[in-house]
Amino acid sequence: MNLFRSTAVVLALTTGLLALPAQAEVMQQNTSGDPIYTAEAPRAFSMIGDLVIARPLLIGATAIGAVAFVVSLPFTALGGNVAEAGEALVLEPGRSAFVRCLGCTTTGYKRD
């Protein structure tokens, strides 16, 4: 019985390792050619995950960041970094929640 188990384990591991290259997926970056606009082609499961999980969390992070920004406003005003605090606490999660395309990993429009 011990020989059967060890043979089954070796066979399962070998099959699993041989199947890894077949499971690998090449990520292709689709770009539009315009330097300020990058278009991605996300798959359906990433769009669904983004819609159901990521967007509500990002909207919540934007709301919590806005509250934290208002609470920290007197201290950031004294320190002179109100713009940096607003960017980090409100604008970055807001951009990810409302500007990014559904299922994309980066925002499509970059302002410099």
PDB file of N, CA and C in Angstrom:
ATOM      1  N   MET A   1       0.826  -1.202   0.000  1.00  0.00           N
ATOM      2  CA  MET A   1       0.000   0.000   0.000  1.00  0.00           C
ATOM      3  C   MET A   1       0.863   1.255   0.000  1.00  0.00           C
ATOM      4  N   ASN A   2       1.984   1.216   0.674  1.00  0.00           N
ATOM      5  CA  ASN A   2       2.879   2.356   0.732  1.00  0.00           C
ATOM      6  C   ASN A   2       3.469   2.644  -0.647  1.00  0.00           C
ATOM      7  N   LEU A   3       3.778   1.620  -1.415  1.00  0.00           N
ATOM      8  CA  LEU A   3       4.297   1.783  -2.771  1.00  0.00           C
ATOM      9  C   LEU A   3       3.247   2.446  -3.666  1.00  0.00           C
ATOM     10  N   PHE A   4       1.989   2.063  -3.503  1.00  0.00           N
ATOM     11  CA  PHE A   4       0.912   2.659  -4.290  1.00  0.00           C
ATOM     12  C   PHE A   4       0.770   4.151  -3.971  1.00  0.00           C
ATOM     13  N   ARG A   5       0.813   4.529  -2.701  1.00  0.00           N
ATOM     14  CA  ARG A   5       0.689   5.945  -2.313  1.00  0.00           C
ATOM     15  C   ARG A   5       1.838   6.776  -2.859  1.00  0.00           C
ATOM     16  N   SER A   6       3.045   6.288  -2.715  1.00  0.00           N
ATOM     17  CA  SER A   6       4.197   7.051  -3.198  1.00  0.00           C
ATOM     18  C   SER A   6       4.170   7.165  -4.720  1.00  0.00           C
ATOM     19  N   THR A   7       3.751   6.113  -5.420  1.00  0.00           N
ATOM     20  CA  THR A   7       3.645   6.194  -6.869  1.00  0.00           C
ATOM     21  C   THR A   7       2.557   7.188  -7.275  1.00  0.00           C
ATOM     22  N   ALA A   8       1.441   7.182  -6.573  1.00  0.00           N
ATOM     23  CA  ALA A   8       0.353   8.124  -6.878  1.00  0.00           C
ATOM     24  C   ALA A   8       0.782   9.555  -6.621  1.00  0.00           C
ATOM     25  N   VAL A   9       1.533   9.793  -5.545  1.00  0.00           N
ATOM     26  CA  VAL A   9       2.001  11.149  -5.236  1.00  0.00           C
ATOM     27  C   VAL A   9       2.985  11.622  -6.289  1.00  0.00           C
ATOM     28  N   VAL A  10       3.916  10.767  -6.680  1.00  0.00           N
ATOM     29  CA  VAL A  10       4.890  11.141  -7.710  1.00  0.00           C
ATOM     30  C   VAL A  10       4.185  11.403  -9.029  1.00  0.00           C
ATOM     31  N   LEU A  11       3.239  10.592  -9.387  1.00  0.00           N
ATOM     32  CA  LEU A  11       2.487  10.783 -10.626  1.00  0.00           C
ATOM     33  C   LEU A  11       1.685  12.083 -10.594  1.00  0.00           C
ATOM     34  N   ALA A  12       1.052  12.382  -9.463  1.00  0.00           N
ATOM     35  CA  ALA A  12       0.273  13.616  -9.347  1.00  0.00           C
ATOM     36  C   ALA A  12       1.176  14.846  -9.422  1.00  0.00           C
ATOM     37  N   LEU A  13       2.298  14.820  -8.744  1.00  0.00           N
ATOM     38  CA  LEU A  13       3.224  15.957  -8.787  1.00  0.00           C
ATOM     39  C   LEU A  13       3.817  16.145 -10.177  1.00  0.00           C
ATOM     40  N   THR A  14       4.174  15.062 -10.826  1.00  0.00           N
ATOM     41  CA  THR A  14       4.725  15.162 -12.173  1.00  0.00           C
ATOM     42  C   THR A  14       3.687  15.711 -13.146  1.00  0.00           C
ATOM     43  N   THR A  15       2.477  15.239 -13.061  1.00  0.00           N
ATOM     44  CA  THR A  15       1.408  15.740 -13.927  1.00  0.00           C
ATOM     45  C   THR A  15       1.142  17.219 -13.664  1.00  0.00           C
ATOM     46  N   GLY A  16       1.140  17.584 -12.397  1.00  0.00           N
ATOM     47  CA  GLY A  16       0.922  18.988 -12.054  1.00  0.00           C
ATOM     48  C   GLY A  16       2.026  19.889 -12.564  1.00  0.00           C
ATOM     49  N   LEU A  17       3.265  19.447 -12.449  1.00  0.00           N
ATOM     50  CA  LEU A  17       4.384  20.257 -12.931  1.00  0.00           C
ATOM     51  C   LEU A  17       4.423  20.329 -14.449  1.00  0.00           C
ATOM     52  N   LEU A  18       4.036  19.255 -15.112  1.00  0.00           N
ATOM     53  CA  LEU A  18       4.007  19.277 -16.570  1.00  0.00           C
ATOM     54  C   LEU A  18       2.870  20.138 -17.105  1.00  0.00           C
ATOM     55  N   ALA A  19       1.817  20.305 -16.334  1.00  0.00           N
ATOM     56  CA  ALA A  19       0.671  21.098 -16.776  1.00  0.00           C
ATOM     57  C   ALA A  19       0.882  22.594 -16.552  1.00  0.00           C
ATOM     58  N   LEU A  20       1.886  22.985 -15.787  1.00  0.00           N
ATOM     59  CA  LEU A  20       2.104  24.410 -15.509  1.00  0.00           C
ATOM     60  C   LEU A  20       2.340  25.247 -16.765  1.00  0.00           C
ATOM     61  N   PRO A  21       3.189  24.816 -17.714  1.00  0.00           N
ATOM     62  CA  PRO A  21       3.345  25.644 -18.915  1.00  0.00           C
ATOM     63  C   PRO A  21       2.053  25.784 -19.711  1.00  0.00           C
ATOM     64  N   ALA A  22       1.188  24.783 -19.686  1.00  0.00           N
ATOM     65  CA  ALA A  22      -0.083  24.883 -20.394  1.00  0.00           C
ATOM     66  C   ALA A  22      -1.019  25.879 -19.718  1.00  0.00           C
ATOM     67  N   GLN A  23      -0.876  26.057 -18.401  1.00  0.00           N
ATOM     68  CA  GLN A  23      -1.719  26.986 -17.663  1.00  0.00           C
ATOM     69  C   GLN A  23      -1.197  28.420 -17.728  1.00  0.00           C
ATOM     70  N   ALA A  24       0.066  28.579 -18.101  1.00  0.00           N
ATOM     71  CA  ALA A  24       0.666  29.918 -18.122  1.00  0.00           C
ATOM     72  C   ALA A  24      -0.017  30.766 -19.184  1.00  0.00           C
ATOM     73  N   GLU A  25      -0.125  32.046 -18.889  1.00  0.00           N
ATOM     74  CA  GLU A  25      -0.797  32.964 -19.795  1.00  0.00           C
ATOM     75  C   GLU A  25       0.113  34.143 -20.058  1.00  0.00           C
ATOM     76  N   VAL A  26       0.215  34.538 -21.293  1.00  0.00           N
ATOM     77  CA  VAL A  26       1.046  35.671 -21.653  1.00  0.00           C
ATOM     78  C   VAL A  26       0.202  36.934 -21.513  1.00  0.00           C
ATOM     79  N   MET A  27       0.669  37.851 -20.691  1.00  0.00           N
ATOM     80  CA  MET A  27      -0.032  39.118 -20.528  1.00  0.00           C
ATOM     81  C   MET A  27       0.445  40.079 -21.616  1.00  0.00           C
ATOM     82  N   GLN A  28      -0.480  40.553 -22.406  1.00  0.00           N
ATOM     83  CA  GLN A  28      -0.137  41.449 -23.484  1.00  0.00           C
ATOM     84  C   GLN A  28      -0.677  42.827 -23.159  1.00  0.00           C
ATOM     85  N   GLN A  29       0.175  43.810 -23.247  1.00  0.00           N
ATOM     86  CA  GLN A  29      -0.216  45.183 -22.951  1.00  0.00           C
ATOM     87  C   GLN A  29      -0.708  45.815 -24.244  1.00  0.00           C
ATOM     88  N   ASN A  30      -1.982  46.083 -24.322  1.00  0.00           N
ATOM     89  CA  ASN A  30      -2.546  46.746 -25.489  1.00  0.00           C
ATOM     90  C   ASN A  30      -2.496  48.241 -25.269  1.00  0.00           C
ATOM     91  N   THR A  31      -1.799  48.936 -26.126  1.00  0.00           N
ATOM     92  CA  THR A  31      -1.712  50.384 -26.001  1.00  0.00           C
ATOM     93  C   THR A  31      -2.267  51.028 -27.251  1.00  0.00           C
ATOM     94  N   SER A  32      -2.757  52.227 -27.091  1.00  0.00           N
ATOM     95  CA  SER A  32      -3.351  52.930 -28.209  1.00  0.00           C
ATOM     96  C   SER A  32      -2.330  53.689 -29.025  1.00  0.00           C
ATOM     97  N   GLY A  33      -1.118  53.854 -28.519  1.00  0.00           N
ATOM     98  CA  GLY A  33      -0.104  54.620 -29.217  1.00  0.00           C
ATOM     99  C   GLY A  33      -0.011  56.047 -28.727  1.00  0.00           C
ATOM    100  N   ASP A  34      -1.057  56.556 -28.118  1.00  0.00           N
ATOM    101  CA  ASP A  34      -1.047  57.896 -27.556  1.00  0.00           C
ATOM    102  C   ASP A  34      -0.312  57.857 -26.224  1.00  0.00           C
ATOM    103  N   PRO A  35       0.681  58.714 -26.008  1.00  0.00           N
ATOM    104  CA  PRO A  35       1.464  58.622 -24.765  1.00  0.00           C
ATOM    105  C   PRO A  35       0.683  58.971 -23.505  1.00  0.00           C
ATOM    106  N   ILE A  36      -0.435  59.685 -23.607  1.00  0.00           N
ATOM    107  CA  ILE A  36      -1.166  60.021 -22.387  1.00  0.00           C
ATOM    108  C   ILE A  36      -2.350  59.113 -22.136  1.00  0.00           C
ATOM    109  N   TYR A  37      -2.626  58.204 -23.063  1.00  0.00           N
ATOM    110  CA  TYR A  37      -3.771  57.311 -22.883  1.00  0.00           C
ATOM    111  C   TYR A  37      -3.331  55.886 -23.138  1.00  0.00           C
ATOM    112  N   THR A  38      -3.543  55.041 -22.167  1.00  0.00           N
ATOM    113  CA  THR A  38      -3.191  53.632 -22.291  1.00  0.00           C
ATOM    114  C   THR A  38      -4.458  52.810 -22.162  1.00  0.00           C
ATOM    115  N   ALA A  39      -4.748  52.000 -23.152  1.00  0.00           N
ATOM    116  CA  ALA A  39      -5.951  51.173 -23.134  1.00  0.00           C
ATOM    117  C   ALA A  39      -5.562  49.730 -22.847  1.00  0.00           C
ATOM    118  N   GLU A  40      -6.270  49.101 -21.934  1.00  0.00           N
ATOM    119  CA  GLU A  40      -6.056  47.697 -21.635  1.00  0.00           C
ATOM    120  C   GLU A  40      -7.261  46.915 -22.131  1.00  0.00           C
ATOM    121  N   ALA A  41      -7.089  45.619 -22.278  1.00  0.00           N
ATOM    122  CA  ALA A  41      -8.183  44.739 -22.685  1.00  0.00           C
ATOM    123  C   ALA A  41      -8.385  43.700 -21.592  1.00  0.00           C
ATOM    124  N   PRO A  42      -9.102  44.049 -20.517  1.00  0.00           N
ATOM    125  CA  PRO A  42      -9.282  43.091 -19.421  1.00  0.00           C
ATOM    126  C   PRO A  42     -10.264  41.990 -19.797  1.00  0.00           C
ATOM    127  N   ARG A  43     -10.129  40.866 -19.112  1.00  0.00           N
ATOM    128  CA  ARG A  43     -11.009  39.731 -19.341  1.00  0.00           C
ATOM    129  C   ARG A  43     -12.285  39.882 -18.512  1.00  0.00           C
ATOM    130  N   ALA A  44     -13.261  39.055 -18.793  1.00  0.00           N
ATOM    131  CA  ALA A  44     -14.573  39.160 -18.153  1.00  0.00           C
ATOM    132  C   ALA A  44     -14.499  38.914 -16.655  1.00  0.00           C
ATOM    133  N   PHE A  45     -13.704  37.930 -16.216  1.00  0.00           N
ATOM    134  CA  PHE A  45     -13.644  37.641 -14.786  1.00  0.00           C
ATOM    135  C   PHE A  45     -12.986  38.780 -14.019  1.00  0.00           C
ATOM    136  N   SER A  46     -12.040  39.492 -14.639  1.00  0.00           N
ATOM    137  CA  SER A  46     -11.445  40.634 -13.942  1.00  0.00           C
ATOM    138  C   SER A  46     -12.419  41.811 -13.881  1.00  0.00           C
ATOM    139  N   MET A  47     -13.284  41.946 -14.879  1.00  0.00           N
ATOM    140  CA  MET A  47     -14.304  42.992 -14.836  1.00  0.00           C
ATOM    141  C   MET A  47     -15.330  42.712 -13.739  1.00  0.00           C
ATOM    142  N   ILE A  48     -15.745  41.459 -13.630  1.00  0.00           N
ATOM    143  CA  ILE A  48     -16.724  41.094 -12.603  1.00  0.00           C
ATOM    144  C   ILE A  48     -16.130  41.278 -11.215  1.00  0.00           C
ATOM    145  N   GLY A  49     -14.897  40.833 -11.026  1.00  0.00           N
ATOM    146  CA  GLY A  49     -14.231  41.013  -9.731  1.00  0.00           C
ATOM    147  C   GLY A  49     -14.050  42.468  -9.385  1.00  0.00           C
ATOM    148  N   ASP A  50     -13.726  43.272 -10.394  1.00  0.00           N
ATOM    149  CA  ASP A  50     -13.569  44.705 -10.166  1.00  0.00           C
ATOM    150  C   ASP A  50     -14.893  45.346  -9.782  1.00  0.00           C
ATOM    151  N   LEU A  51     -15.960  44.960 -10.461  1.00  0.00           N
ATOM    152  CA  LEU A  51     -17.276  45.536 -10.191  1.00  0.00           C
ATOM    153  C   LEU A  51     -17.805  45.133  -8.823  1.00  0.00           C
ATOM    154  N   VAL A  52     -17.631  43.873  -8.451  1.00  0.00           N
ATOM    155  CA  VAL A  52     -18.224  43.354  -7.224  1.00  0.00           C
ATOM    156  C   VAL A  52     -17.362  43.627  -5.993  1.00  0.00           C
ATOM    157  N   ILE A  53     -16.034  43.540  -6.135  1.00  0.00           N
ATOM    158  CA  ILE A  53     -15.159  43.641  -4.972  1.00  0.00           C
ATOM    159  C   ILE A  53     -14.399  44.962  -4.913  1.00  0.00           C
ATOM    160  N   ALA A  54     -13.671  45.275  -5.978  1.00  0.00           N
ATOM    161  CA  ALA A  54     -12.733  46.396  -5.922  1.00  0.00           C
ATOM    162  C   ALA A  54     -13.423  47.764  -5.884  1.00  0.00           C
ATOM    163  N   ARG A  55     -14.417  47.975  -6.727  1.00  0.00           N
ATOM    164  CA  ARG A  55     -15.044  49.300  -6.781  1.00  0.00           C
ATOM    165  C   ARG A  55     -15.721  49.695  -5.472  1.00  0.00           C
ATOM    166  N   PRO A  56     -16.510  48.810  -4.851  1.00  0.00           N
ATOM    167  CA  PRO A  56     -17.081  49.216  -3.564  1.00  0.00           C
ATOM    168  C   PRO A  56     -16.017  49.502  -2.501  1.00  0.00           C
ATOM    169  N   LEU A  57     -14.940  48.718  -2.495  1.00  0.00           N
ATOM    170  CA  LEU A  57     -13.867  48.990  -1.535  1.00  0.00           C
ATOM    171  C   LEU A  57     -13.175  50.319  -1.829  1.00  0.00           C
ATOM    172  N   LEU A  58     -12.958  50.631  -3.102  1.00  0.00           N
ATOM    173  CA  LEU A  58     -12.321  51.895  -3.454  1.00  0.00           C
ATOM    174  C   LEU A  58     -13.222  53.094  -3.164  1.00  0.00           C
ATOM    175  N   ILE A  59     -14.513  52.943  -3.367  1.00  0.00           N
ATOM    176  CA  ILE A  59     -15.434  54.030  -3.029  1.00  0.00           C
ATOM    177  C   ILE A  59     -15.451  54.242  -1.519  1.00  0.00           C
ATOM    178  N   GLY A  60     -15.428  53.151  -0.758  1.00  0.00           N
ATOM    179  CA  GLY A  60     -15.336  53.258   0.698  1.00  0.00           C
ATOM    180  C   GLY A  60     -14.023  53.884   1.134  1.00  0.00           C
ATOM    181  N   ALA A  61     -12.928  53.526   0.463  1.00  0.00           N
ATOM    182  CA  ALA A  61     -11.626  54.129   0.786  1.00  0.00           C
ATOM    183  C   ALA A  61     -11.612  55.610   0.467  1.00  0.00           C
ATOM    184  N   THR A  62     -12.300  56.009  -0.596  1.00  0.00           N
ATOM    185  CA  THR A  62     -12.389  57.430  -0.929  1.00  0.00           C
ATOM    186  C   THR A  62     -13.172  58.181   0.147  1.00  0.00           C
ATOM    187  N   ALA A  63     -14.274  57.615   0.611  1.00  0.00           N
ATOM    188  CA  ALA A  63     -15.076  58.264   1.657  1.00  0.00           C
ATOM    189  C   ALA A  63     -14.306  58.330   2.976  1.00  0.00           C
ATOM    190  N   ILE A  64     -13.649  57.240   3.351  1.00  0.00           N
ATOM    191  CA  ILE A  64     -12.863  57.243   4.593  1.00  0.00           C
ATOM    192  C   ILE A  64     -11.677  58.200   4.465  1.00  0.00           C
ATOM    193  N   GLY A  65     -11.063  58.245   3.296  1.00  0.00           N
ATOM    194  CA  GLY A  65      -9.964  59.181   3.063  1.00  0.00           C
ATOM    195  C   GLY A  65     -10.411  60.625   3.140  1.00  0.00           C
ATOM    196  N   ALA A  66     -11.629  60.915   2.654  1.00  0.00           N
ATOM    197  CA  ALA A  66     -12.145  62.282   2.747  1.00  0.00           C
ATOM    198  C   ALA A  66     -12.376  62.683   4.195  1.00  0.00           C
ATOM    199  N   VAL A  67     -12.906  61.751   4.992  1.00  0.00           N
ATOM    200  CA  VAL A  67     -13.100  62.035   6.418  1.00  0.00           C
ATOM    201  C   VAL A  67     -11.755  62.230   7.110  1.00  0.00           C
ATOM    202  N   ALA A  68     -10.793  61.364   6.796  1.00  0.00           N
ATOM    203  CA  ALA A  68      -9.460  61.500   7.392  1.00  0.00           C
ATOM    204  C   ALA A  68      -8.793  62.793   6.955  1.00  0.00           C
ATOM    205  N   PHE A  69      -9.020  63.213   5.709  1.00  0.00           N
ATOM    206  CA  PHE A  69      -8.452  64.463   5.232  1.00  0.00           C
ATOM    207  C   PHE A  69      -9.027  65.655   5.992  1.00  0.00           C
ATOM    208  N   VAL A  70     -10.333  65.654   6.214  1.00  0.00           N
ATOM    209  CA  VAL A  70     -10.967  66.757   6.946  1.00  0.00           C
ATOM    210  C   VAL A  70     -10.477  66.786   8.390  1.00  0.00           C
ATOM    211  N   VAL A  71     -10.343  65.604   9.004  1.00  0.00           N
ATOM    212  CA  VAL A  71      -9.867  65.552  10.392  1.00  0.00           C
ATOM    213  C   VAL A  71      -8.421  66.032  10.479  1.00  0.00           C
ATOM    214  N   SER A  72      -7.593  65.667   9.514  1.00  0.00           N
ATOM    215  CA  SER A  72      -6.181  66.035   9.569  1.00  0.00           C
ATOM    216  C   SER A  72      -5.886  67.392   8.953  1.00  0.00           C
ATOM    217  N   LEU A  73      -6.890  68.080   8.440  1.00  0.00           N
ATOM    218  CA  LEU A  73      -6.679  69.349   7.748  1.00  0.00           C
ATOM    219  C   LEU A  73      -5.985  70.412   8.600  1.00  0.00           C
ATOM    220  N   PRO A  74      -6.336  70.613   9.871  1.00  0.00           N
ATOM    221  CA  PRO A  74      -5.600  71.624  10.643  1.00  0.00           C
ATOM    222  C   PRO A  74      -4.104  71.300  10.775  1.00  0.00           C
ATOM    223  N   PHE A  75      -3.797  70.028  10.932  1.00  0.00           N
ATOM    224  CA  PHE A  75      -2.393  69.650  11.100  1.00  0.00           C
ATOM    225  C   PHE A  75      -1.628  69.719   9.792  1.00  0.00           C
ATOM    226  N   THR A  76      -2.259  69.323   8.693  1.00  0.00           N
ATOM    227  CA  THR A  76      -1.583  69.407   7.407  1.00  0.00           C
ATOM    228  C   THR A  76      -1.445  70.853   6.953  1.00  0.00           C
ATOM    229  N   ALA A  77      -2.385  71.702   7.350  1.00  0.00           N
ATOM    230  CA  ALA A  77      -2.263  73.125   7.014  1.00  0.00           C
ATOM    231  C   ALA A  77      -1.086  73.749   7.763  1.00  0.00           C
ATOM    232  N   LEU A  78      -0.907  73.358   9.020  1.00  0.00           N
ATOM    233  CA  LEU A  78       0.245  73.860   9.772  1.00  0.00           C
ATOM    234  C   LEU A  78       1.547  73.336   9.193  1.00  0.00           C
ATOM    235  N   GLY A  79       1.546  72.117   8.694  1.00  0.00           N
ATOM    236  CA  GLY A  79       2.750  71.539   8.107  1.00  0.00           C
ATOM    237  C   GLY A  79       2.992  71.976   6.677  1.00  0.00           C
ATOM    238  N   GLY A  80       1.984  72.538   6.038  1.00  0.00           N
ATOM    239  CA  GLY A  80       2.140  73.045   4.681  1.00  0.00           C
ATOM    240  C   GLY A  80       2.039  71.983   3.600  1.00  0.00           C
ATOM    241  N   ASN A  81       1.406  70.871   3.886  1.00  0.00           N
ATOM    242  CA  ASN A  81       1.282  69.827   2.874  1.00  0.00           C
ATOM    243  C   ASN A  81      -0.168  69.401   2.670  1.00  0.00           C
ATOM    244  N   VAL A  82      -1.040  70.364   2.493  1.00  0.00           N
ATOM    245  CA  VAL A  82      -2.455  70.085   2.275  1.00  0.00           C
ATOM    246  C   VAL A  82      -2.661  69.393   0.926  1.00  0.00           C
ATOM    247  N   ALA A  83      -1.953  69.848  -0.093  1.00  0.00           N
ATOM    248  CA  ALA A  83      -2.117  69.261  -1.427  1.00  0.00           C
ATOM    249  C   ALA A  83      -1.687  67.793  -1.450  1.00  0.00           C
ATOM    250  N   GLU A  84      -0.578  67.492  -0.790  1.00  0.00           N
ATOM    251  CA  GLU A  84      -0.102  66.102  -0.766  1.00  0.00           C
ATOM    252  C   GLU A  84      -1.068  65.208  -0.006  1.00  0.00           C
ATOM    253  N   ALA A  85      -1.618  65.701   1.099  1.00  0.00           N
ATOM    254  CA  ALA A  85      -2.570  64.912   1.876  1.00  0.00           C
ATOM    255  C   ALA A  85      -3.854  64.678   1.083  1.00  0.00           C
ATOM    256  N   GLY A  86      -4.333  65.700   0.400  1.00  0.00           N
ATOM    257  CA  GLY A  86      -5.530  65.539  -0.422  1.00  0.00           C
ATOM    258  C   GLY A  86      -5.320  64.573  -1.570  1.00  0.00           C
ATOM    259  N   GLU A  87      -4.148  64.649  -2.169  1.00  0.00           N
ATOM    260  CA  GLU A  87      -3.822  63.729  -3.262  1.00  0.00           C
ATOM    261  C   GLU A  87      -3.797  62.284  -2.776  1.00  0.00           C
ATOM    262  N   ALA A  88      -3.134  62.040  -1.643  1.00  0.00           N
ATOM    263  CA  ALA A  88      -2.975  60.668  -1.153  1.00  0.00           C
ATOM    264  C   ALA A  88      -4.254  60.113  -0.547  1.00  0.00           C
ATOM    265  N   LEU A  89      -5.007  60.935   0.168  1.00  0.00           N
ATOM    266  CA  LEU A  89      -6.169  60.423   0.891  1.00  0.00           C
ATOM    267  C   LEU A  89      -7.451  60.409   0.077  1.00  0.00           C
ATOM    268  N   VAL A  90      -7.615  61.354  -0.850  1.00  0.00           N
ATOM    269  CA  VAL A  90      -8.891  61.465  -1.557  1.00  0.00           C
ATOM    270  C   VAL A  90      -8.746  61.218  -3.062  1.00  0.00           C
ATOM    271  N   LEU A  91      -7.801  61.871  -3.704  1.00  0.00           N
ATOM    272  CA  LEU A  91      -7.739  61.818  -5.160  1.00  0.00           C
ATOM    273  C   LEU A  91      -7.265  60.476  -5.710  1.00  0.00           C
ATOM    274  N   GLU A  92      -6.256  59.859  -5.106  1.00  0.00           N
ATOM    275  CA  GLU A  92      -5.770  58.577  -5.629  1.00  0.00           C
ATOM    276  C   GLU A  92      -6.827  57.473  -5.558  1.00  0.00           C
ATOM    277  N   PRO A  93      -7.492  57.257  -4.400  1.00  0.00           N
ATOM    278  CA  PRO A  93      -8.544  56.240  -4.413  1.00  0.00           C
ATOM    279  C   PRO A  93      -9.747  56.639  -5.272  1.00  0.00           C
ATOM    280  N   GLY A  94     -10.020  57.940  -5.349  1.00  0.00           N
ATOM    281  CA  GLY A  94     -11.119  58.401  -6.192  1.00  0.00           C
ATOM    282  C   GLY A  94     -10.849  58.166  -7.664  1.00  0.00           C
ATOM    283  N   ARG A  95      -9.612  58.416  -8.096  1.00  0.00           N
ATOM    284  CA  ARG A  95      -9.237  58.140  -9.476  1.00  0.00           C
ATOM    285  C   ARG A  95      -9.346  56.652  -9.786  1.00  0.00           C
ATOM    286  N   SER A  96      -8.894  55.833  -8.855  1.00  0.00           N
ATOM    287  CA  SER A  96      -8.969  54.388  -9.080  1.00  0.00           C
ATOM    288  C   SER A  96     -10.414  53.897  -9.098  1.00  0.00           C
ATOM    289  N   ALA A  97     -11.293  54.539  -8.345  1.00  0.00           N
ATOM    290  CA  ALA A  97     -12.682  54.104  -8.279  1.00  0.00           C
ATOM    291  C   ALA A  97     -13.515  54.621  -9.451  1.00  0.00           C
ATOM    292  N   PHE A  98     -13.262  55.839  -9.908  1.00  0.00           N
ATOM    293  CA  PHE A  98     -14.172  56.449 -10.876  1.00  0.00           C
ATOM    294  C   PHE A  98     -13.576  56.691 -12.253  1.00  0.00           C
ATOM    295  N   VAL A  99     -12.264  56.765 -12.400  1.00  0.00           N
ATOM    296  CA  VAL A  99     -11.663  57.071 -13.698  1.00  0.00           C
ATOM    297  C   VAL A  99     -11.167  55.816 -14.399  1.00  0.00           C
ATOM    298  N   ARG A 100     -10.737  54.837 -13.656  1.00  0.00           N
ATOM    299  CA  ARG A 100     -10.170  53.611 -14.212  1.00  0.00           C
ATOM    300  C   ARG A 100     -11.260  52.797 -14.903  1.00  0.00           C
ATOM    301  N   CYS A 101     -10.913  52.194 -16.046  1.00  0.00           N
ATOM    302  CA  CYS A 101     -11.904  51.369 -16.756  1.00  0.00           C
ATOM    303  C   CYS A 101     -12.171  50.092 -15.971  1.00  0.00           C
ATOM    304  N   LEU A 102     -13.293  49.478 -16.226  1.00  0.00           N
ATOM    305  CA  LEU A 102     -13.721  48.296 -15.484  1.00  0.00           C
ATOM    306  C   LEU A 102     -12.794  47.125 -15.791  1.00  0.00           C
ATOM    307  N   GLY A 103     -12.102  46.634 -14.770  1.00  0.00           N
ATOM    308  CA  GLY A 103     -11.185  45.514 -14.918  1.00  0.00           C
ATOM    309  C   GLY A 103      -9.756  45.905 -15.201  1.00  0.00           C
ATOM    310  N   CYS A 104      -9.490  47.171 -15.489  1.00  0.00           N
ATOM    311  CA  CYS A 104      -8.129  47.627 -15.763  1.00  0.00           C
ATOM    312  C   CYS A 104      -7.338  47.752 -14.459  1.00  0.00           C
ATOM    313  N   THR A 105      -6.027  47.660 -14.586  1.00  0.00           N
ATOM    314  CA  THR A 105      -5.168  47.757 -13.412  1.00  0.00           C
ATOM    315  C   THR A 105      -4.634  49.161 -13.195  1.00  0.00           C
ATOM    316  N   THR A 106      -4.626  49.976 -14.231  1.00  0.00           N
ATOM    317  CA  THR A 106      -4.142  51.347 -14.107  1.00  0.00           C
ATOM    318  C   THR A 106      -5.200  52.293 -14.642  1.00  0.00           C
ATOM    319  N   THR A 107      -5.121  53.559 -14.233  1.00  0.00           N
ATOM    320  CA  THR A 107      -6.027  54.550 -14.779  1.00  0.00           C
ATOM    321  C   THR A 107      -5.634  54.824 -16.207  1.00  0.00           C
ATOM    322  N   GLY A 108      -6.611  55.012 -17.068  1.00  0.00           N
ATOM    323  CA  GLY A 108      -6.331  55.173 -18.492  1.00  0.00           C
ATOM    324  C   GLY A 108      -5.820  56.536 -18.860  1.00  0.00           C
ATOM    325  N   TYR A 109      -6.168  57.554 -18.121  1.00  0.00           N
ATOM    326  CA  TYR A 109      -5.778  58.906 -18.467  1.00  0.00           C
ATOM    327  C   TYR A 109      -4.780  59.401 -17.459  1.00  0.00           C
ATOM    328  N   LYS A 110      -3.619  59.834 -17.954  1.00  0.00           N
ATOM    329  CA  LYS A 110      -2.568  60.330 -17.061  1.00  0.00           C
ATOM    330  C   LYS A 110      -2.380  61.819 -17.307  1.00  0.00           C
ATOM    331  N   ARG A 111      -2.495  62.586 -16.261  1.00  0.00           N
ATOM    332  CA  ARG A 111      -2.208  64.015 -16.359  1.00  0.00           C
ATOM    333  C   ARG A 111      -0.809  64.256 -15.835  1.00  0.00           C
ATOM    334  N   ASP A 112      -0.028  65.015 -16.596  1.00  0.00           N
ATOM    335  CA  ASP A 112       1.334  65.355 -16.152  1.00  0.00           C
ATOM    336  C   ASP A 112       1.466  66.820 -15.870  1.00  0.00           C
TER     337      ASP A 112
END
